[in-house]
PDB file of N, CA and C in Angstrom:
ATOM      1  N   MET A   1      83.470 101.787 114.881  1.00  0.00           N
ATOM      2  CA  MET A   1      84.532 102.716 115.252  1.00  0.00           C
ATOM      3  C   MET A   1      85.880 102.121 114.829  1.00  0.00           C
ATOM      4  N   LEU A   2      86.666 102.927 114.160  1.00  0.00           N
ATOM      5  CA  LEU A   2      87.989 102.475 113.727  1.00  0.00           C
ATOM      6  C   LEU A   2      88.893 102.252 114.939  1.00  0.00           C
ATOM      7  N   LYS A   3      89.681 101.229 114.868  1.00  0.00           N
ATOM      8  CA  LYS A   3      90.616 100.878 115.938  1.00  0.00           C
ATOM      9  C   LYS A   3      92.049 101.045 115.448  1.00  0.00           C
ATOM     10  N   ILE A   4      92.917 101.499 116.337  1.00  0.00           N
ATOM     11  CA  ILE A   4      94.301 101.744 115.957  1.00  0.00           C
ATOM     12  C   ILE A   4      95.011 100.440 115.574  1.00  0.00           C
ATOM     13  N   ALA A   5      94.661  99.340 116.212  1.00  0.00           N
ATOM     14  CA  ALA A   5      95.289  98.052 115.874  1.00  0.00           C
ATOM     15  C   ALA A   5      94.977  97.677 114.426  1.00  0.00           C
ATOM     16  N   TRP A   6      93.756  97.964 113.956  1.00  0.00           N
ATOM     17  CA  TRP A   6      93.387  97.672 112.574  1.00  0.00           C
ATOM     18  C   TRP A   6      94.195  98.550 111.617  1.00  0.00           C
ATOM     19  N   ILE A   7      94.349  99.830 111.944  1.00  0.00           N
ATOM     20  CA  ILE A   7      95.142 100.749 111.123  1.00  0.00           C
ATOM     21  C   ILE A   7      96.576 100.244 111.013  1.00  0.00           C
ATOM     22  N   HIS A   8      97.184  99.920 112.144  1.00  0.00           N
ATOM     23  CA  HIS A   8      98.560  99.409 112.138  1.00  0.00           C
ATOM     24  C   HIS A   8      98.671  98.136 111.297  1.00  0.00           C
ATOM     25  N   SER A   9      97.699  97.238 111.433  1.00  0.00           N
ATOM     26  CA  SER A   9      97.706  95.983 110.689  1.00  0.00           C
ATOM     27  C   SER A   9      97.629  96.240 109.176  1.00  0.00           C
ATOM     28  N   CYS A  10      96.760  97.145 108.756  1.00  0.00           N
ATOM     29  CA  CYS A  10      96.647  97.467 107.327  1.00  0.00           C
ATOM     30  C   CYS A  10      97.966  98.005 106.786  1.00  0.00           C
ATOM     31  N   VAL A  11      98.630  98.844 107.549  1.00  0.00           N
ATOM     32  CA  VAL A  11      99.898  99.413 107.088  1.00  0.00           C
ATOM     33  C   VAL A  11     100.950  98.315 106.973  1.00  0.00           C
ATOM     34  N   ARG A  12     101.037  97.465 107.986  1.00  0.00           N
ATOM     35  CA  ARG A  12     102.021  96.367 107.942  1.00  0.00           C
ATOM     36  C   ARG A  12     101.779  95.428 106.752  1.00  0.00           C
ATOM     37  N   LYS A  13     100.500  95.250 106.364  1.00  0.00           N
ATOM     38  CA  LYS A  13     100.144  94.375 105.239  1.00  0.00           C
ATOM     39  C   LYS A  13     100.108  95.125 103.906  1.00  0.00           C
ATOM     40  N   SER A  14     100.439  96.414 103.921  1.00  0.00           N
ATOM     41  CA  SER A  14     100.365  97.268 102.721  1.00  0.00           C
ATOM     42  C   SER A  14      98.958  97.292 102.134  1.00  0.00           C
ATOM     43  N   LYS A  15      97.936  97.272 103.002  1.00  0.00           N
ATOM     44  CA  LYS A  15      96.538  97.351 102.574  1.00  0.00           C
ATOM     45  C   LYS A  15      96.010  98.750 102.850  1.00  0.00           C
ATOM     46  N   TYR A  16      96.681  99.741 102.287  1.00  0.00           N
ATOM     47  CA  TYR A  16      96.244 101.121 102.434  1.00  0.00           C
ATOM     48  C   TYR A  16      96.562 101.886 101.166  1.00  0.00           C
ATOM     49  N   TYR A  17      95.857 102.993 100.994  1.00  0.00           N
ATOM     50  CA  TYR A  17      96.129 103.848  99.850  1.00  0.00           C
ATOM     51  C   TYR A  17      95.882 105.306 100.243  1.00  0.00           C
ATOM     52  N   PHE A  18      96.457 106.204  99.475  1.00  0.00           N
ATOM     53  CA  PHE A  18      96.301 107.634  99.678  1.00  0.00           C
ATOM     54  C   PHE A  18      95.243 108.159  98.709  1.00  0.00           C
ATOM     55  N   SER A  19      94.330 108.969  99.213  1.00  0.00           N
ATOM     56  CA  SER A  19      93.414 109.664  98.315  1.00  0.00           C
ATOM     57  C   SER A  19      94.219 110.695  97.528  1.00  0.00           C
ATOM     58  N   LYS A  20      93.635 111.205  96.453  1.00  0.00           N
ATOM     59  CA  LYS A  20      94.318 112.255  95.688  1.00  0.00           C
ATOM     60  C   LYS A  20      94.601 113.460  96.581  1.00  0.00           C
ATOM     61  N   HIS A  21      93.629 113.799  97.429  1.00  0.00           N
ATOM     62  CA  HIS A  21      93.810 114.927  98.342  1.00  0.00           C
ATOM     63  C   HIS A  21      94.972 114.671  99.302  1.00  0.00           C
ATOM     64  N   ALA A  22      95.020 113.476  99.877  1.00  0.00           N
ATOM     65  CA  ALA A  22      96.101 113.146 100.817  1.00  0.00           C
ATOM     66  C   ALA A  22      97.458 113.222 100.134  1.00  0.00           C
ATOM     67  N   ASP A  23      97.526 112.732  98.905  1.00  0.00           N
ATOM     68  CA  ASP A  23      98.810 112.770  98.206  1.00  0.00           C
ATOM     69  C   ASP A  23      99.224 114.217  97.915  1.00  0.00           C
ATOM     70  N   GLN A  24      98.272 115.063  97.558  1.00  0.00           N
ATOM     71  CA  GLN A  24      98.594 116.468  97.311  1.00  0.00           C
ATOM     72  C   GLN A  24      99.061 117.160  98.588  1.00  0.00           C
ATOM     73  N   GLU A  25      98.364 116.919  99.690  1.00  0.00           N
ATOM     74  CA  GLU A  25      98.746 117.519 100.971  1.00  0.00           C
ATOM     75  C   GLU A  25     100.108 117.001 101.438  1.00  0.00           C
ATOM     76  N   ARG A  26     100.365 115.725 101.204  1.00  0.00           N
ATOM     77  CA  ARG A  26     101.665 115.136 101.540  1.00  0.00           C
ATOM     78  C   ARG A  26     102.773 115.879 100.795  1.00  0.00           C
ATOM     79  N   GLN A  27     102.557 116.108  99.514  1.00  0.00           N
ATOM     80  CA  GLN A  27     103.546 116.822  98.710  1.00  0.00           C
ATOM     81  C   GLN A  27     103.684 118.278  99.158  1.00  0.00           C
ATOM     82  N   ASN A  28     102.561 118.919  99.511  1.00  0.00           N
ATOM     83  CA  ASN A  28     102.604 120.308  99.977  1.00  0.00           C
ATOM     84  C   ASN A  28     103.486 120.462 101.215  1.00  0.00           C
ATOM     85  N   ASP A  29     103.452 119.459 102.107  1.00  0.00           N
ATOM     86  CA  ASP A  29     104.262 119.504 103.324  1.00  0.00           C
ATOM     87  C   ASP A  29     105.615 118.809 103.140  1.00  0.00           C
ATOM     88  N   GLU A  30     105.938 118.478 101.894  1.00  0.00           N
ATOM     89  CA  GLU A  30     107.219 117.855 101.554  1.00  0.00           C
ATOM     90  C   GLU A  30     107.496 116.587 102.362  1.00  0.00           C
ATOM     91  N   LEU A  31     106.455 115.763 102.493  1.00  0.00           N
ATOM     92  CA  LEU A  31     106.564 114.486 103.189  1.00  0.00           C
ATOM     93  C   LEU A  31     106.739 113.376 102.156  1.00  0.00           C
ATOM     94  N   ILE A  32     107.609 112.435 102.458  1.00  0.00           N
ATOM     95  CA  ILE A  32     107.761 111.287 101.573  1.00  0.00           C
ATOM     96  C   ILE A  32     106.908 110.136 102.118  1.00  0.00           C
ATOM     97  N   PHE A  33     106.600 109.187 101.243  1.00  0.00           N
ATOM     98  CA  PHE A  33     105.735 108.070 101.627  1.00  0.00           C
ATOM     99  C   PHE A  33     106.254 107.336 102.853  1.00  0.00           C
ATOM    100  N   GLU A  34     107.568 107.130 102.920  1.00  0.00           N
ATOM    101  CA  GLU A  34     108.146 106.395 104.045  1.00  0.00           C
ATOM    102  C   GLU A  34     107.886 107.107 105.368  1.00  0.00           C
ATOM    103  N   GLU A  35     107.924 108.432 105.366  1.00  0.00           N
ATOM    104  CA  GLU A  35     107.650 109.185 106.600  1.00  0.00           C
ATOM    105  C   GLU A  35     106.205 108.984 107.043  1.00  0.00           C
ATOM    106  N   VAL A  36     105.284 109.021 106.094  1.00  0.00           N
ATOM    107  CA  VAL A  36     103.875 108.828 106.440  1.00  0.00           C
ATOM    108  C   VAL A  36     103.657 107.414 106.950  1.00  0.00           C
ATOM    109  N   GLU A  37     104.285 106.445 106.322  1.00  0.00           N
ATOM    110  CA  GLU A  37     104.154 105.070 106.788  1.00  0.00           C
ATOM    111  C   GLU A  37     104.721 104.910 108.200  1.00  0.00           C
ATOM    112  N   GLU A  38     105.870 105.501 108.474  1.00  0.00           N
ATOM    113  CA  GLU A  38     106.439 105.467 109.829  1.00  0.00           C
ATOM    114  C   GLU A  38     105.451 106.066 110.832  1.00  0.00           C
ATOM    115  N   ALA A  39     104.854 107.195 110.461  1.00  0.00           N
ATOM    116  CA  ALA A  39     103.903 107.861 111.352  1.00  0.00           C
ATOM    117  C   ALA A  39     102.652 107.008 111.553  1.00  0.00           C
ATOM    118  N   LEU A  40     102.160 106.375 110.491  1.00  0.00           N
ATOM    119  CA  LEU A  40     100.990 105.507 110.631  1.00  0.00           C
ATOM    120  C   LEU A  40     101.270 104.336 111.572  1.00  0.00           C
ATOM    121  N   LEU A  41     102.469 103.784 111.494  1.00  0.00           N
ATOM    122  CA  LEU A  41     102.811 102.634 112.344  1.00  0.00           C
ATOM    123  C   LEU A  41     102.960 103.016 113.815  1.00  0.00           C
ATOM    124  N   SER A  42     103.218 104.298 114.098  1.00  0.00           N
ATOM    125  CA  SER A  42     103.333 104.740 115.492  1.00  0.00           C
ATOM    126  C   SER A  42     102.107 105.540 115.932  1.00  0.00           C
ATOM    127  N   ALA A  43     101.096 105.615 115.060  1.00  0.00           N
ATOM    128  CA  ALA A  43      99.958 106.514 115.291  1.00  0.00           C
ATOM    129  C   ALA A  43      99.081 106.100 116.456  1.00  0.00           C
ATOM    130  N   ARG A  44      98.409 107.133 116.969  1.00  0.00           N
ATOM    131  CA  ARG A  44      97.319 106.919 117.923  1.00  0.00           C
ATOM    132  C   ARG A  44      96.160 107.800 117.481  1.00  0.00           C
ATOM    133  N   ILE A  45      94.958 107.378 117.787  1.00  0.00           N
ATOM    134  CA  ILE A  45      93.754 108.118 117.396  1.00  0.00           C
ATOM    135  C   ILE A  45      93.524 109.243 118.392  1.00  0.00           C
ATOM    136  N   ILE A  46      93.311 110.468 117.868  1.00  0.00           N
ATOM    137  CA  ILE A  46      93.033 111.595 118.766  1.00  0.00           C
ATOM    138  C   ILE A  46      91.619 112.161 118.577  1.00  0.00           C
ATOM    139  N   GLU A  47      90.957 111.861 117.459  1.00  0.00           N
ATOM    140  CA  GLU A  47      89.561 112.269 117.247  1.00  0.00           C
ATOM    141  C   GLU A  47      88.877 111.232 116.368  1.00  0.00           C
ATOM    142  N   HIS A  48      87.600 110.955 116.676  1.00  0.00           N
ATOM    143  CA  HIS A  48      86.768 110.094 115.828  1.00  0.00           C
ATOM    144  C   HIS A  48      85.738 110.976 115.143  1.00  0.00           C
ATOM    145  N   TYR A  49      85.433 110.669 113.874  1.00  0.00           N
ATOM    146  CA  TYR A  49      84.422 111.408 113.117  1.00  0.00           C
ATOM    147  C   TYR A  49      83.335 110.449 112.666  1.00  0.00           C
ATOM    148  N   LYS A  50      82.081 110.875 112.838  1.00  0.00           N
ATOM    149  CA  LYS A  50      80.952 110.061 112.407  1.00  0.00           C
ATOM    150  C   LYS A  50      80.923 109.981 110.892  1.00  0.00           C
ATOM    151  N   ASP A  51      80.127 109.070 110.414  1.00  0.00           N
ATOM    152  CA  ASP A  51      79.936 108.918 108.967  1.00  0.00           C
ATOM    153  C   ASP A  51      79.255 110.160 108.417  1.00  0.00           C
ATOM    154  N   THR A  52      79.946 110.854 107.545  1.00  0.00           N
ATOM    155  CA  THR A  52      79.386 112.063 106.935  1.00  0.00           C
ATOM    156  C   THR A  52      79.076 111.836 105.462  1.00  0.00           C
ATOM    157  N   GLY A  53      78.805 110.604 105.101  1.00  0.00           N
ATOM    158  CA  GLY A  53      78.486 110.271 103.726  1.00  0.00           C
ATOM    159  C   GLY A  53      79.578 109.490 103.030  1.00  0.00           C
ATOM    160  N   ARG A  54      80.787 109.526 103.570  1.00  0.00           N
ATOM    161  CA  ARG A  54      81.893 108.766 102.976  1.00  0.00           C
ATOM    162  C   ARG A  54      82.398 107.684 103.929  1.00  0.00           C
ATOM    163  N   GLY A  55      81.665 107.447 104.971  1.00  0.00           N
ATOM    164  CA  GLY A  55      82.084 106.469 105.971  1.00  0.00           C
ATOM    165  C   GLY A  55      82.742 107.152 107.156  1.00  0.00           C
ATOM    166  N   GLU A  56      82.857 106.410 108.223  1.00  0.00           N
ATOM    167  CA  GLU A  56      83.459 106.978 109.424  1.00  0.00           C
ATOM    168  C   GLU A  56      84.961 107.137 109.215  1.00  0.00           C
ATOM    169  N   SER A  57      85.551 108.052 109.961  1.00  0.00           N
ATOM    170  CA  SER A  57      86.989 108.291 109.861  1.00  0.00           C
ATOM    171  C   SER A  57      87.524 108.738 111.211  1.00  0.00           C
ATOM    172  N   CYS A  58      88.825 108.915 111.287  1.00  0.00           N
ATOM    173  CA  CYS A  58      89.437 109.367 112.528  1.00  0.00           C
ATOM    174  C   CYS A  58      90.699 110.160 112.219  1.00  0.00           C
ATOM    175  N   LEU A  59      91.041 111.045 113.132  1.00  0.00           N
ATOM    176  CA  LEU A  59      92.287 111.798 113.052  1.00  0.00           C
ATOM    177  C   LEU A  59      93.312 111.076 113.905  1.00  0.00           C
ATOM    178  N   THR A  60      94.450 110.784 113.305  1.00  0.00           N
ATOM    179  CA  THR A  60      95.529 110.138 114.039  1.00  0.00           C
ATOM    180  C   THR A  60      96.745 111.054 114.053  1.00  0.00           C
ATOM    181  N   VAL A  61      97.600 110.834 115.016  1.00  0.00           N
ATOM    182  CA  VAL A  61      98.898 111.507 115.037  1.00  0.00           C
ATOM    183  C   VAL A  61      99.957 110.437 115.262  1.00  0.00           C
ATOM    184  N   GLY A  62     101.007 110.549 114.487  1.00  0.00           N
ATOM    185  CA  GLY A  62     102.128 109.633 114.621  1.00  0.00           C
ATOM    186  C   GLY A  62     103.413 110.390 114.352  1.00  0.00           C
ATOM    187  N   PHE A  63     104.509 109.712 114.532  1.00  0.00           N
ATOM    188  CA  PHE A  63     105.821 110.347 114.397  1.00  0.00           C
ATOM    189  C   PHE A  63     106.699 109.555 113.443  1.00  0.00           C
ATOM    190  N   THR A  64     107.501 110.281 112.684  1.00  0.00           N
ATOM    191  CA  THR A  64     108.502 109.625 111.855  1.00  0.00           C
ATOM    192  C   THR A  64     109.610 109.111 112.772  1.00  0.00           C
ATOM    193  N   ASN A  65     110.503 108.317 112.228  1.00  0.00           N
ATOM    194  CA  ASN A  65     111.627 107.829 113.017  1.00  0.00           C
ATOM    195  C   ASN A  65     112.511 108.967 113.517  1.00  0.00           C
ATOM    196  N   SER A  66     112.482 110.101 112.820  1.00  0.00           N
ATOM    197  CA  SER A  66     113.273 111.261 113.261  1.00  0.00           C
ATOM    198  C   SER A  66     112.493 112.174 114.209  1.00  0.00           C
ATOM    199  N   GLY A  67     111.242 111.805 114.544  1.00  0.00           N
ATOM    200  CA  GLY A  67     110.464 112.563 115.522  1.00  0.00           C
ATOM    201  C   GLY A  67     109.524 113.611 114.954  1.00  0.00           C
ATOM    202  N   LYS A  68     109.378 113.686 113.645  1.00  0.00           N
ATOM    203  CA  LYS A  68     108.481 114.665 113.015  1.00  0.00           C
ATOM    204  C   LYS A  68     107.019 114.230 113.226  1.00  0.00           C
ATOM    205  N   PRO A  69     106.160 115.108 113.783  1.00  0.00           N
ATOM    206  CA  PRO A  69     104.751 114.752 113.966  1.00  0.00           C
ATOM    207  C   PRO A  69     103.978 114.895 112.657  1.00  0.00           C
ATOM    208  N   ILE A  70     103.083 113.951 112.414  1.00  0.00           N
ATOM    209  CA  ILE A  70     102.230 113.995 111.226  1.00  0.00           C
ATOM    210  C   ILE A  70     100.806 113.630 111.631  1.00  0.00           C
ATOM    211  N   HIS A  71      99.850 114.442 111.170  1.00  0.00           N
ATOM    212  CA  HIS A  71      98.437 114.111 111.326  1.00  0.00           C
ATOM    213  C   HIS A  71      97.968 113.409 110.069  1.00  0.00           C
ATOM    214  N   MET A  72      97.137 112.387 110.263  1.00  0.00           N
ATOM    215  CA  MET A  72      96.568 111.641 109.153  1.00  0.00           C
ATOM    216  C   MET A  72      95.105 111.362 109.458  1.00  0.00           C
ATOM    217  N   VAL A  73      94.212 111.728 108.546  1.00  0.00           N
ATOM    218  CA  VAL A  73      92.814 111.353 108.671  1.00  0.00           C
ATOM    219  C   VAL A  73      92.652 110.056 107.905  1.00  0.00           C
ATOM    220  N   CYS A  74      92.135 109.047 108.604  1.00  0.00           N
ATOM    221  CA  CYS A  74      92.031 107.704 108.049  1.00  0.00           C
ATOM    222  C   CYS A  74      90.581 107.254 108.026  1.00  0.00           C
ATOM    223  N   GLY A  75      90.237 106.490 107.006  1.00  0.00           N
ATOM    224  CA  GLY A  75      88.912 105.898 106.892  1.00  0.00           C
ATOM    225  C   GLY A  75      89.023 104.459 106.448  1.00  0.00           C
ATOM    226  N   LYS A  76      87.892 103.786 106.420  1.00  0.00           N
ATOM    227  CA  LYS A  76      87.860 102.382 106.014  1.00  0.00           C
ATOM    228  C   LYS A  76      87.075 102.283 104.713  1.00  0.00           C
ATOM    229  N   ARG A  77      87.677 101.671 103.712  1.00  0.00           N
ATOM    230  CA  ARG A  77      87.032 101.435 102.424  1.00  0.00           C
ATOM    231  C   ARG A  77      87.121  99.942 102.158  1.00  0.00           C
ATOM    232  N   GLY A  78      86.042  99.254 102.456  1.00  0.00           N
ATOM    233  CA  GLY A  78      86.058  97.794 102.389  1.00  0.00           C
ATOM    234  C   GLY A  78      87.015  97.287 103.445  1.00  0.00           C
ATOM    235  N   SER A  79      87.980  96.473 103.048  1.00  0.00           N
ATOM    236  CA  SER A  79      88.971  95.968 104.000  1.00  0.00           C
ATOM    237  C   SER A  79      90.263  96.781 103.950  1.00  0.00           C
ATOM    238  N   TRP A  80      90.237  97.905 103.231  1.00  0.00           N
ATOM    239  CA  TRP A  80      91.426  98.738 103.050  1.00  0.00           C
ATOM    240  C   TRP A  80      91.365  99.991 103.900  1.00  0.00           C
ATOM    241  N   LEU A  81      92.534 100.448 104.311  1.00  0.00           N
ATOM    242  CA  LEU A  81      92.696 101.725 105.001  1.00  0.00           C
ATOM    243  C   LEU A  81      92.849 102.818 103.952  1.00  0.00           C
ATOM    244  N   ALA A  82      92.028 103.836 104.041  1.00  0.00           N
ATOM    245  CA  ALA A  82      92.138 104.988 103.143  1.00  0.00           C
ATOM    246  C   ALA A  82      92.726 106.147 103.934  1.00  0.00           C
ATOM    247  N   VAL A  83      93.842 106.667 103.466  1.00  0.00           N
ATOM    248  CA  VAL A  83      94.431 107.861 104.067  1.00  0.00           C
ATOM    249  C   VAL A  83      93.798 109.034 103.324  1.00  0.00           C
ATOM    250  N   VAL A  84      92.914 109.749 104.022  1.00  0.00           N
ATOM    251  CA  VAL A  84      92.093 110.795 103.415  1.00  0.00           C
ATOM    252  C   VAL A  84      92.873 112.097 103.273  1.00  0.00           C
ATOM    253  N   THR A  85      93.623 112.439 104.299  1.00  0.00           N
ATOM    254  CA  THR A  85      94.509 113.602 104.237  1.00  0.00           C
ATOM    255  C   THR A  85      95.673 113.388 105.174  1.00  0.00           C
ATOM    256  N   VAL A  86      96.725 114.136 104.938  1.00  0.00           N
ATOM    257  CA  VAL A  86      97.944 114.023 105.745  1.00  0.00           C
ATOM    258  C   VAL A  86      98.615 115.389 105.759  1.00  0.00           C
ATOM    259  N   TYR A  87      99.078 115.803 106.939  1.00  0.00           N
ATOM    260  CA  TYR A  87      99.711 117.120 107.048  1.00  0.00           C
ATOM    261  C   TYR A  87     100.501 117.203 108.349  1.00  0.00           C
ATOM    262  N   ILE A  88     101.364 118.193 108.410  1.00  0.00           N
ATOM    263  CA  ILE A  88     102.088 118.487 109.640  1.00  0.00           C
ATOM    264  C   ILE A  88     101.246 119.485 110.426  1.00  0.00           C
ATOM    265  N   PRO A  89     100.874 119.162 111.682  1.00  0.00           N
ATOM    266  CA  PRO A  89     100.037 120.080 112.463  1.00  0.00           C
ATOM    267  C   PRO A  89     100.799 121.346 112.844  1.00  0.00           C
ATOM    268  N   ARG A  90     100.161 122.497 112.587  1.00  0.00           N
ATOM    269  CA  ARG A  90     100.797 123.782 112.865  1.00  0.00           C
ATOM    270  C   ARG A  90      99.769 124.761 113.414  1.00  0.00           C
ATOM    271  N   PRO A  91     100.237 125.748 114.191  1.00  0.00           N
ATOM    272  CA  PRO A  91      99.342 126.833 114.608  1.00  0.00           C
ATOM    273  C   PRO A  91      98.920 127.632 113.373  1.00  0.00           C
ATOM    274  N   PRO A  92      97.799 128.269 113.346  1.00  0.00           N
ATOM    275  CA  PRO A  92      96.863 128.412 114.459  1.00  0.00           C
ATOM    276  C   PRO A  92      95.861 127.282 114.566  1.00  0.00           C
ATOM    277  N   LYS A  93      95.805 126.394 113.563  1.00  0.00           N
ATOM    278  CA  LYS A  93      94.817 125.312 113.598  1.00  0.00           C
ATOM    279  C   LYS A  93      95.023 124.392 114.797  1.00  0.00           C
ATOM    280  N   PHE A  94      96.283 124.179 115.179  1.00  0.00           N
ATOM    281  CA  PHE A  94      96.589 123.327 116.331  1.00  0.00           C
ATOM    282  C   PHE A  94      97.528 124.042 117.286  1.00  0.00           C
ATOM    283  N   LYS A  95      97.133 124.079 118.584  1.00  0.00           N
ATOM    284  CA  LYS A  95      98.011 124.647 119.618  1.00  0.00           C
ATOM    285  C   LYS A  95      99.186 123.717 119.874  1.00  0.00           C
ATOM    286  N   THR A  96      98.875 122.429 119.968  1.00  0.00           N
ATOM    287  CA  THR A  96      99.889 121.396 120.110  1.00  0.00           C
ATOM    288  C   THR A  96      99.519 120.301 119.120  1.00  0.00           C
ATOM    289  N   ILE A  97     100.338 119.278 119.018  1.00  0.00           N
ATOM    290  CA  ILE A  97      99.996 118.209 118.070  1.00  0.00           C
ATOM    291  C   ILE A  97      98.745 117.445 118.492  1.00  0.00           C
ATOM    292  N   TYR A  98      98.346 117.580 119.762  1.00  0.00           N
ATOM    293  CA  TYR A  98      97.172 116.861 120.265  1.00  0.00           C
ATOM    294  C   TYR A  98      95.961 117.760 120.495  1.00  0.00           C
ATOM    295  N   GLU A  99      96.130 119.073 120.398  1.00  0.00           N
ATOM    296  CA  GLU A  99      95.071 120.008 120.798  1.00  0.00           C
ATOM    297  C   GLU A  99      94.827 121.053 119.725  1.00  0.00           C
ATOM    298  N   ARG A 100      93.548 121.193 119.349  1.00  0.00           N
ATOM    299  CA  ARG A 100      93.163 122.186 118.347  1.00  0.00           C
ATOM    300  C   ARG A 100      93.320 123.595 118.899  1.00  0.00           C
ATOM    301  N   GLY A 101      93.616 124.522 117.996  1.00  0.00           N
ATOM    302  CA  GLY A 101      93.692 125.930 118.361  1.00  0.00           C
ATOM    303  C   GLY A 101      92.295 126.533 118.409  1.00  0.00           C
ATOM    304  N   LYS A 102      92.215 127.808 118.656  1.00  0.00           N
ATOM    305  CA  LYS A 102      90.908 128.483 118.702  1.00  0.00           C
ATOM    306  C   LYS A 102      90.335 128.590 117.309  1.00  0.00           C
ATOM    307  N   LYS A 103      89.014 128.468 117.238  1.00  0.00           N
ATOM    308  CA  LYS A 103      88.323 128.560 115.943  1.00  0.00           C
ATOM    309  C   LYS A 103      88.028 129.979 115.598  1.00  0.00           C
TER     310      LYS A 103
END
């Protein structure tokens, strides 16, 4: 199970990378790398996902220094943190930044 302390440590050591999908989603939401890094450093895990063929992952939520919420799905690739996707949580998918909306 991924631990938030490990995620924070990888970010502080610059041992993380963005998947192509995460980078595209980051650009779609007009997020800059520094904002995502700020959010990763303040993140907490809100959902864990079992290994679905690409390794286990988790959904985190963190905030930029200006208070903008960002969701990031993170996984472990060897000793590196992989940012699988990144986006700003919005309805209807999310009622709040911590709670999913109706399916």
